[in-house]
Amino acid sequence: MAHLLDTCVWIDVERGALAPGDIAALTHGENIFLSPVTLAELRFGAEIAPPALRQQRLAAIARIEGKPLLVVDRATGMIFGALAAAMHSGGRKPRKRVQDLWLASQALQHGCTLLTRNPEDFAGLPGLRLADYSLPAR
């Protein structure tokens, strides 16, 4: 089994809240994958950050760019549409969770478990396997 990591995981690593060993423990040493959606979210965060923080964030992105990447393709789009419809039918607004729906779609498409600190963002999505964690209170 493999894991797709939610953007929050990479942010927690960048901030020092999670170490690579923590990720290995959370994923049981299984393969981990990166999404272009996550790269987009991280790049956006870097671009709008103050200059000193921007350089730090761009360096963090450069460190993870070599991770195996899952592509977004036709099948991903079809799964996304079905998940968005399921979310809508459940009374939730898919437009507010678009990036999360793309990540969930990729996880489903590739048979990955989605590792996240925010399981409520993915609640009620049919067939999605989640692994979640929490950070210690500061």
N, C-alpha and C. Protein backbone atom coordinates (compact mmCIF):
# COMPACT_ATOMS: atom_id res chain seq x y z
N MET A 1 0.84 -1.18 0.00
CA MET A 1 0.00 0.00 0.00
C MET A 1 0.89 1.24 0.00
N ALA A 2 0.39 2.31 -0.55
CA ALA A 2 1.12 3.56 -0.64
C ALA A 2 0.28 4.68 -0.01
N HIS A 3 0.94 5.79 0.23
CA HIS A 3 0.27 6.95 0.83
C HIS A 3 0.46 8.19 -0.04
N LEU A 4 -0.61 8.93 -0.18
CA LEU A 4 -0.56 10.27 -0.76
C LEU A 4 -0.60 11.22 0.43
N LEU A 5 0.32 12.17 0.47
CA LEU A 5 0.39 13.07 1.61
C LEU A 5 -0.35 14.36 1.32
N ASP A 6 -1.25 14.71 2.21
CA ASP A 6 -1.98 15.97 2.14
C ASP A 6 -0.98 17.12 2.29
N THR A 7 -1.34 18.26 1.77
CA THR A 7 -0.46 19.44 1.83
C THR A 7 -0.07 19.78 3.26
N CYS A 8 -0.98 19.60 4.21
CA CYS A 8 -0.68 19.94 5.60
C CYS A 8 0.51 19.14 6.14
N VAL A 9 0.71 17.92 5.63
CA VAL A 9 1.83 17.09 6.09
C VAL A 9 3.15 17.75 5.70
N TRP A 10 3.23 18.18 4.44
CA TRP A 10 4.46 18.83 3.97
C TRP A 10 4.70 20.13 4.73
N ILE A 11 3.63 20.85 5.04
CA ILE A 11 3.77 22.10 5.80
C ILE A 11 4.27 21.79 7.21
N ASP A 12 3.76 20.74 7.82
CA ASP A 12 4.22 20.36 9.15
C ASP A 12 5.70 19.97 9.15
N VAL A 13 6.14 19.32 8.09
CA VAL A 13 7.56 18.98 7.96
C VAL A 13 8.38 20.26 7.82
N GLU A 14 7.94 21.17 6.95
CA GLU A 14 8.66 22.43 6.74
C GLU A 14 8.79 23.21 8.05
N ARG A 15 7.76 23.22 8.84
CA ARG A 15 7.76 23.97 10.10
C ARG A 15 8.51 23.25 11.22
N GLY A 16 8.92 22.02 10.98
CA GLY A 16 9.64 21.26 12.00
C GLY A 16 8.73 20.55 12.98
N ALA A 17 7.44 20.54 12.73
CA ALA A 17 6.49 19.87 13.62
C ALA A 17 6.49 18.35 13.40
N LEU A 18 6.91 17.92 12.22
CA LEU A 18 7.07 16.50 11.89
C LEU A 18 8.45 16.30 11.30
N ALA A 19 9.09 15.22 11.68
CA ALA A 19 10.38 14.86 11.11
C ALA A 19 10.17 13.75 10.08
N PRO A 20 11.13 13.57 9.18
CA PRO A 20 10.99 12.47 8.21
C PRO A 20 10.73 11.12 8.88
N GLY A 21 11.32 10.89 10.05
CA GLY A 21 11.07 9.65 10.77
C GLY A 21 9.62 9.52 11.21
N ASP A 22 9.00 10.66 11.53
CA ASP A 22 7.58 10.64 11.89
C ASP A 22 6.73 10.21 10.70
N ILE A 23 7.09 10.73 9.54
CA ILE A 23 6.35 10.36 8.32
C ILE A 23 6.49 8.87 8.06
N ALA A 24 7.71 8.35 8.20
CA ALA A 24 7.94 6.92 8.00
C ALA A 24 7.09 6.10 8.97
N ALA A 25 7.00 6.55 10.22
CA ALA A 25 6.19 5.82 11.21
C ALA A 25 4.71 5.90 10.85
N LEU A 26 4.24 7.07 10.44
CA LEU A 26 2.83 7.23 10.11
C LEU A 26 2.41 6.44 8.88
N THR A 27 3.35 6.26 7.97
CA THR A 27 3.05 5.54 6.72
C THR A 27 3.55 4.10 6.77
N HIS A 28 4.09 3.68 7.91
CA HIS A 28 4.61 2.32 8.10
C HIS A 28 5.70 2.00 7.08
N GLY A 29 6.46 3.03 6.69
CA GLY A 29 7.56 2.84 5.75
C GLY A 29 7.14 2.56 4.33
N GLU A 30 5.85 2.69 4.04
CA GLU A 30 5.36 2.42 2.68
C GLU A 30 5.69 3.59 1.77
N ASN A 31 5.53 3.39 0.49
CA ASN A 31 5.82 4.44 -0.49
C ASN A 31 4.93 5.65 -0.25
N ILE A 32 5.51 6.83 -0.45
CA ILE A 32 4.74 8.06 -0.34
C ILE A 32 4.79 8.80 -1.67
N PHE A 33 3.70 9.52 -1.95
CA PHE A 33 3.57 10.24 -3.21
C PHE A 33 3.19 11.68 -2.96
N LEU A 34 3.52 12.49 -3.92
CA LEU A 34 3.25 13.92 -3.95
C LEU A 34 2.23 14.18 -5.06
N SER A 35 1.41 15.18 -4.87
CA SER A 35 0.42 15.57 -5.88
C SER A 35 0.79 16.93 -6.47
N PRO A 36 0.50 17.14 -7.76
CA PRO A 36 0.70 18.47 -8.33
C PRO A 36 -0.19 19.51 -7.63
N VAL A 37 -1.29 19.06 -7.06
CA VAL A 37 -2.17 19.96 -6.30
C VAL A 37 -1.41 20.50 -5.09
N THR A 38 -0.69 19.63 -4.42
CA THR A 38 0.12 20.05 -3.27
C THR A 38 1.21 21.01 -3.70
N LEU A 39 1.88 20.71 -4.81
CA LEU A 39 2.91 21.63 -5.30
C LEU A 39 2.30 23.01 -5.58
N ALA A 40 1.11 23.03 -6.16
CA ALA A 40 0.45 24.31 -6.44
C ALA A 40 0.13 25.06 -5.16
N GLU A 41 -0.41 24.35 -4.16
CA GLU A 41 -0.75 25.00 -2.89
C GLU A 41 0.50 25.53 -2.19
N LEU A 42 1.56 24.74 -2.18
CA LEU A 42 2.80 25.18 -1.55
C LEU A 42 3.42 26.36 -2.29
N ARG A 43 3.40 26.31 -3.61
CA ARG A 43 3.97 27.41 -4.40
C ARG A 43 3.18 28.70 -4.18
N PHE A 44 1.87 28.59 -4.12
CA PHE A 44 1.05 29.76 -3.84
C PHE A 44 1.44 30.36 -2.49
N GLY A 45 1.56 29.51 -1.47
CA GLY A 45 1.96 29.99 -0.15
C GLY A 45 3.31 30.66 -0.15
N ALA A 46 4.23 30.13 -0.94
CA ALA A 46 5.57 30.73 -1.03
C ALA A 46 5.50 32.09 -1.74
N GLU A 47 4.75 32.16 -2.81
CA GLU A 47 4.70 33.39 -3.60
C GLU A 47 4.07 34.56 -2.86
N ILE A 48 3.14 34.29 -1.96
CA ILE A 48 2.48 35.40 -1.26
C ILE A 48 3.12 35.70 0.09
N ALA A 49 4.14 34.94 0.45
CA ALA A 49 4.82 35.14 1.74
C ALA A 49 5.77 36.35 1.68
N PRO A 50 6.09 36.92 2.84
CA PRO A 50 7.11 37.98 2.88
C PRO A 50 8.43 37.43 2.34
N PRO A 51 9.31 38.29 1.81
CA PRO A 51 10.53 37.83 1.13
C PRO A 51 11.38 36.80 1.90
N ALA A 52 11.64 37.01 3.16
CA ALA A 52 12.49 36.08 3.90
C ALA A 52 11.82 34.71 4.02
N LEU A 53 10.55 34.68 4.28
CA LEU A 53 9.82 33.44 4.40
C LEU A 53 9.63 32.79 3.03
N ARG A 54 9.50 33.62 2.01
CA ARG A 54 9.34 33.10 0.64
C ARG A 54 10.52 32.21 0.26
N GLN A 55 11.74 32.67 0.53
CA GLN A 55 12.92 31.88 0.19
C GLN A 55 12.95 30.55 0.95
N GLN A 56 12.56 30.58 2.20
CA GLN A 56 12.51 29.37 3.02
C GLN A 56 11.49 28.39 2.44
N ARG A 57 10.33 28.90 2.06
CA ARG A 57 9.29 28.04 1.51
C ARG A 57 9.67 27.47 0.14
N LEU A 58 10.30 28.29 -0.70
CA LEU A 58 10.75 27.79 -2.00
C LEU A 58 11.80 26.70 -1.83
N ALA A 59 12.67 26.86 -0.83
CA ALA A 59 13.68 25.83 -0.56
C ALA A 59 13.01 24.53 -0.11
N ALA A 60 11.96 24.64 0.69
CA ALA A 60 11.23 23.45 1.13
C ALA A 60 10.60 22.74 -0.06
N ILE A 61 10.04 23.51 -0.98
CA ILE A 61 9.45 22.91 -2.19
C ILE A 61 10.53 22.20 -3.00
N ALA A 62 11.68 22.83 -3.14
CA ALA A 62 12.78 22.22 -3.90
C ALA A 62 13.19 20.88 -3.30
N ARG A 63 13.12 20.76 -1.97
CA ARG A 63 13.50 19.51 -1.31
C ARG A 63 12.52 18.38 -1.60
N ILE A 64 11.26 18.68 -1.84
CA ILE A 64 10.30 17.60 -2.06
C ILE A 64 9.97 17.36 -3.54
N GLU A 65 10.43 18.23 -4.41
CA GLU A 65 10.08 18.09 -5.83
C GLU A 65 10.50 16.77 -6.44
N GLY A 66 11.50 16.13 -5.87
CA GLY A 66 11.97 14.86 -6.40
C GLY A 66 11.16 13.65 -5.96
N LYS A 67 10.18 13.86 -5.09
CA LYS A 67 9.33 12.75 -4.64
C LYS A 67 8.48 12.26 -5.81
N PRO A 68 8.13 10.98 -5.78
CA PRO A 68 7.27 10.46 -6.86
C PRO A 68 5.95 11.24 -6.92
N LEU A 69 5.57 11.60 -8.13
CA LEU A 69 4.41 12.46 -8.36
C LEU A 69 3.29 11.67 -9.03
N LEU A 70 2.08 11.80 -8.48
CA LEU A 70 0.91 11.21 -9.14
C LEU A 70 0.34 12.26 -10.09
N VAL A 71 0.03 11.85 -11.29
CA VAL A 71 -0.48 12.80 -12.27
C VAL A 71 -1.99 12.96 -12.13
N VAL A 72 -2.48 14.08 -12.62
CA VAL A 72 -3.92 14.32 -12.74
C VAL A 72 -4.26 14.07 -14.21
N ASP A 73 -5.15 13.13 -14.44
CA ASP A 73 -5.50 12.78 -15.82
C ASP A 73 -7.02 12.60 -15.96
N ARG A 74 -7.43 12.01 -17.04
CA ARG A 74 -8.85 11.82 -17.33
C ARG A 74 -9.55 11.04 -16.22
N ALA A 75 -8.93 9.96 -15.77
CA ALA A 75 -9.55 9.15 -14.72
C ALA A 75 -9.68 9.95 -13.43
N THR A 76 -8.68 10.76 -13.12
CA THR A 76 -8.75 11.60 -11.92
C THR A 76 -9.96 12.53 -12.02
N GLY A 77 -10.14 13.11 -13.20
CA GLY A 77 -11.26 14.03 -13.41
C GLY A 77 -12.61 13.35 -13.23
N MET A 78 -12.73 12.12 -13.70
CA MET A 78 -13.99 11.39 -13.56
C MET A 78 -14.27 11.07 -12.09
N ILE A 79 -13.24 10.68 -11.36
CA ILE A 79 -13.40 10.41 -9.93
C ILE A 79 -13.76 11.69 -9.21
N PHE A 80 -13.08 12.78 -9.56
CA PHE A 80 -13.37 14.08 -8.94
C PHE A 80 -14.84 14.44 -9.10
N GLY A 81 -15.38 14.29 -10.31
CA GLY A 81 -16.79 14.61 -10.56
C GLY A 81 -17.73 13.78 -9.69
N ALA A 82 -17.43 12.50 -9.55
CA ALA A 82 -18.26 11.63 -8.72
C ALA A 82 -18.18 12.03 -7.24
N LEU A 83 -16.97 12.35 -6.77
CA LEU A 83 -16.81 12.77 -5.37
C LEU A 83 -17.51 14.10 -5.11
N ALA A 84 -17.38 15.03 -6.04
CA ALA A 84 -18.03 16.34 -5.87
C ALA A 84 -19.54 16.16 -5.81
N ALA A 85 -20.08 15.27 -6.63
CA ALA A 85 -21.52 15.01 -6.62
C ALA A 85 -21.93 14.38 -5.29
N ALA A 86 -21.12 13.45 -4.79
CA ALA A 86 -21.43 12.81 -3.50
C ALA A 86 -21.40 13.85 -2.38
N MET A 87 -20.43 14.74 -2.43
CA MET A 87 -20.34 15.79 -1.42
C MET A 87 -21.57 16.70 -1.50
N HIS A 88 -21.93 17.07 -2.70
CA HIS A 88 -23.11 17.93 -2.92
C HIS A 88 -24.38 17.24 -2.40
N SER A 89 -24.52 15.97 -2.73
CA SER A 89 -25.69 15.21 -2.27
C SER A 89 -25.75 15.12 -0.76
N GLY A 90 -24.60 15.15 -0.12
CA GLY A 90 -24.53 15.10 1.33
C GLY A 90 -24.71 16.45 1.99
N GLY A 91 -25.01 17.49 1.18
CA GLY A 91 -25.26 18.81 1.73
C GLY A 91 -24.02 19.66 1.96
N ARG A 92 -22.87 19.20 1.48
CA ARG A 92 -21.64 19.99 1.61
C ARG A 92 -21.38 20.71 0.30
N LYS A 93 -20.61 21.78 0.37
CA LYS A 93 -20.31 22.58 -0.82
C LYS A 93 -18.94 22.20 -1.37
N PRO A 94 -18.92 21.47 -2.50
CA PRO A 94 -17.64 21.03 -3.05
C PRO A 94 -16.73 22.17 -3.47
N ARG A 95 -17.29 23.31 -3.82
CA ARG A 95 -16.44 24.43 -4.26
C ARG A 95 -15.50 24.93 -3.17
N LYS A 96 -15.88 24.72 -1.92
CA LYS A 96 -15.03 25.16 -0.81
C LYS A 96 -13.89 24.18 -0.54
N ARG A 97 -13.96 22.98 -1.11
CA ARG A 97 -12.96 21.95 -0.84
C ARG A 97 -12.35 21.42 -2.13
N VAL A 98 -12.23 22.23 -3.14
CA VAL A 98 -11.78 21.76 -4.45
C VAL A 98 -10.42 21.07 -4.39
N GLN A 99 -9.45 21.69 -3.74
CA GLN A 99 -8.11 21.08 -3.70
C GLN A 99 -8.15 19.74 -2.98
N ASP A 100 -8.92 19.67 -1.89
CA ASP A 100 -9.04 18.41 -1.16
C ASP A 100 -9.69 17.33 -2.02
N LEU A 101 -10.67 17.72 -2.82
CA LEU A 101 -11.31 16.75 -3.71
C LEU A 101 -10.34 16.21 -4.75
N TRP A 102 -9.46 17.06 -5.27
CA TRP A 102 -8.44 16.58 -6.21
C TRP A 102 -7.52 15.57 -5.53
N LEU A 103 -7.08 15.88 -4.31
CA LEU A 103 -6.21 14.95 -3.59
C LEU A 103 -6.92 13.62 -3.33
N ALA A 104 -8.16 13.70 -2.87
CA ALA A 104 -8.94 12.49 -2.62
C ALA A 104 -9.11 11.68 -3.91
N SER A 105 -9.36 12.37 -5.01
CA SER A 105 -9.52 11.70 -6.30
C SER A 105 -8.26 10.95 -6.69
N GLN A 106 -7.13 11.58 -6.50
CA GLN A 106 -5.87 10.91 -6.82
C GLN A 106 -5.62 9.71 -5.91
N ALA A 107 -5.92 9.87 -4.62
CA ALA A 107 -5.72 8.76 -3.69
C ALA A 107 -6.58 7.57 -4.09
N LEU A 108 -7.83 7.82 -4.43
CA LEU A 108 -8.73 6.74 -4.86
C LEU A 108 -8.24 6.10 -6.15
N GLN A 109 -7.87 6.92 -7.11
CA GLN A 109 -7.44 6.43 -8.41
C GLN A 109 -6.25 5.49 -8.29
N HIS A 110 -5.32 5.84 -7.42
CA HIS A 110 -4.07 5.08 -7.32
C HIS A 110 -4.02 4.12 -6.14
N GLY A 111 -5.17 3.95 -5.46
CA GLY A 111 -5.23 3.00 -4.36
C GLY A 111 -4.39 3.41 -3.15
N CYS A 112 -4.21 4.71 -2.96
CA CYS A 112 -3.41 5.21 -1.86
C CYS A 112 -4.27 5.53 -0.65
N THR A 113 -3.66 5.45 0.51
CA THR A 113 -4.25 6.00 1.73
C THR A 113 -3.82 7.46 1.79
N LEU A 114 -4.73 8.33 2.12
CA LEU A 114 -4.43 9.76 2.21
C LEU A 114 -4.06 10.09 3.65
N LEU A 115 -2.84 10.56 3.85
CA LEU A 115 -2.37 10.95 5.18
C LEU A 115 -2.64 12.43 5.37
N THR A 116 -3.35 12.77 6.46
CA THR A 116 -3.75 14.15 6.70
C THR A 116 -3.84 14.44 8.19
N ARG A 117 -3.72 15.69 8.55
CA ARG A 117 -3.99 16.17 9.90
C ARG A 117 -5.42 16.70 9.97
N ASN A 118 -6.09 16.78 8.84
CA ASN A 118 -7.42 17.37 8.75
C ASN A 118 -8.45 16.38 8.20
N PRO A 119 -8.74 15.31 8.94
CA PRO A 119 -9.67 14.30 8.38
C PRO A 119 -11.06 14.84 8.10
N GLU A 120 -11.47 15.88 8.83
CA GLU A 120 -12.81 16.44 8.59
C GLU A 120 -12.95 17.02 7.19
N ASP A 121 -11.83 17.42 6.57
CA ASP A 121 -11.87 17.94 5.21
C ASP A 121 -12.29 16.86 4.20
N PHE A 122 -12.13 15.60 4.58
CA PHE A 122 -12.38 14.49 3.67
C PHE A 122 -13.53 13.60 4.13
N ALA A 123 -14.23 14.03 5.16
CA ALA A 123 -15.32 13.22 5.73
C ALA A 123 -16.40 12.93 4.70
N GLY A 124 -16.88 11.71 4.71
CA GLY A 124 -18.01 11.34 3.87
C GLY A 124 -17.68 11.08 2.42
N LEU A 125 -16.40 11.03 2.06
CA LEU A 125 -16.05 10.74 0.66
C LEU A 125 -15.98 9.23 0.49
N PRO A 126 -16.85 8.66 -0.34
CA PRO A 126 -16.97 7.21 -0.44
C PRO A 126 -15.70 6.54 -0.94
N GLY A 127 -15.29 5.49 -0.21
CA GLY A 127 -14.17 4.67 -0.63
C GLY A 127 -12.80 5.20 -0.25
N LEU A 128 -12.72 6.42 0.25
CA LEU A 128 -11.42 7.01 0.56
C LEU A 128 -10.87 6.44 1.86
N ARG A 129 -9.63 5.95 1.81
CA ARG A 129 -8.93 5.48 3.01
C ARG A 129 -8.10 6.63 3.57
N LEU A 130 -8.34 6.96 4.82
CA LEU A 130 -7.63 8.04 5.48
C LEU A 130 -6.75 7.51 6.59
N ALA A 131 -5.61 8.13 6.76
CA ALA A 131 -4.78 7.95 7.95
C ALA A 131 -4.58 9.36 8.48
N ASP A 132 -4.88 9.56 9.76
CA ASP A 132 -4.74 10.91 10.28
C ASP A 132 -3.83 10.92 11.50
N TYR A 133 -3.37 12.08 11.82
CA TYR A 133 -2.49 12.29 12.95
C TYR A 133 -2.81 13.64 13.54
N SER A 134 -2.32 13.87 14.73
CA SER A 134 -2.45 15.18 15.34
C SER A 134 -1.10 15.60 15.88
N LEU A 135 -0.92 16.89 15.98
CA LEU A 135 0.32 17.43 16.53
C LEU A 135 0.12 17.66 18.02
N PRO A 136 1.18 17.51 18.79
CA PRO A 136 1.05 17.79 20.21
C PRO A 136 0.69 19.27 20.44
N ALA A 137 -0.11 19.49 21.47
CA ALA A 137 -0.50 20.88 21.81
C ALA A 137 0.76 21.66 22.21
N ARG A 138 0.80 22.89 21.80
CA ARG A 138 1.96 23.74 22.13
C ARG A 138 1.75 24.45 23.42
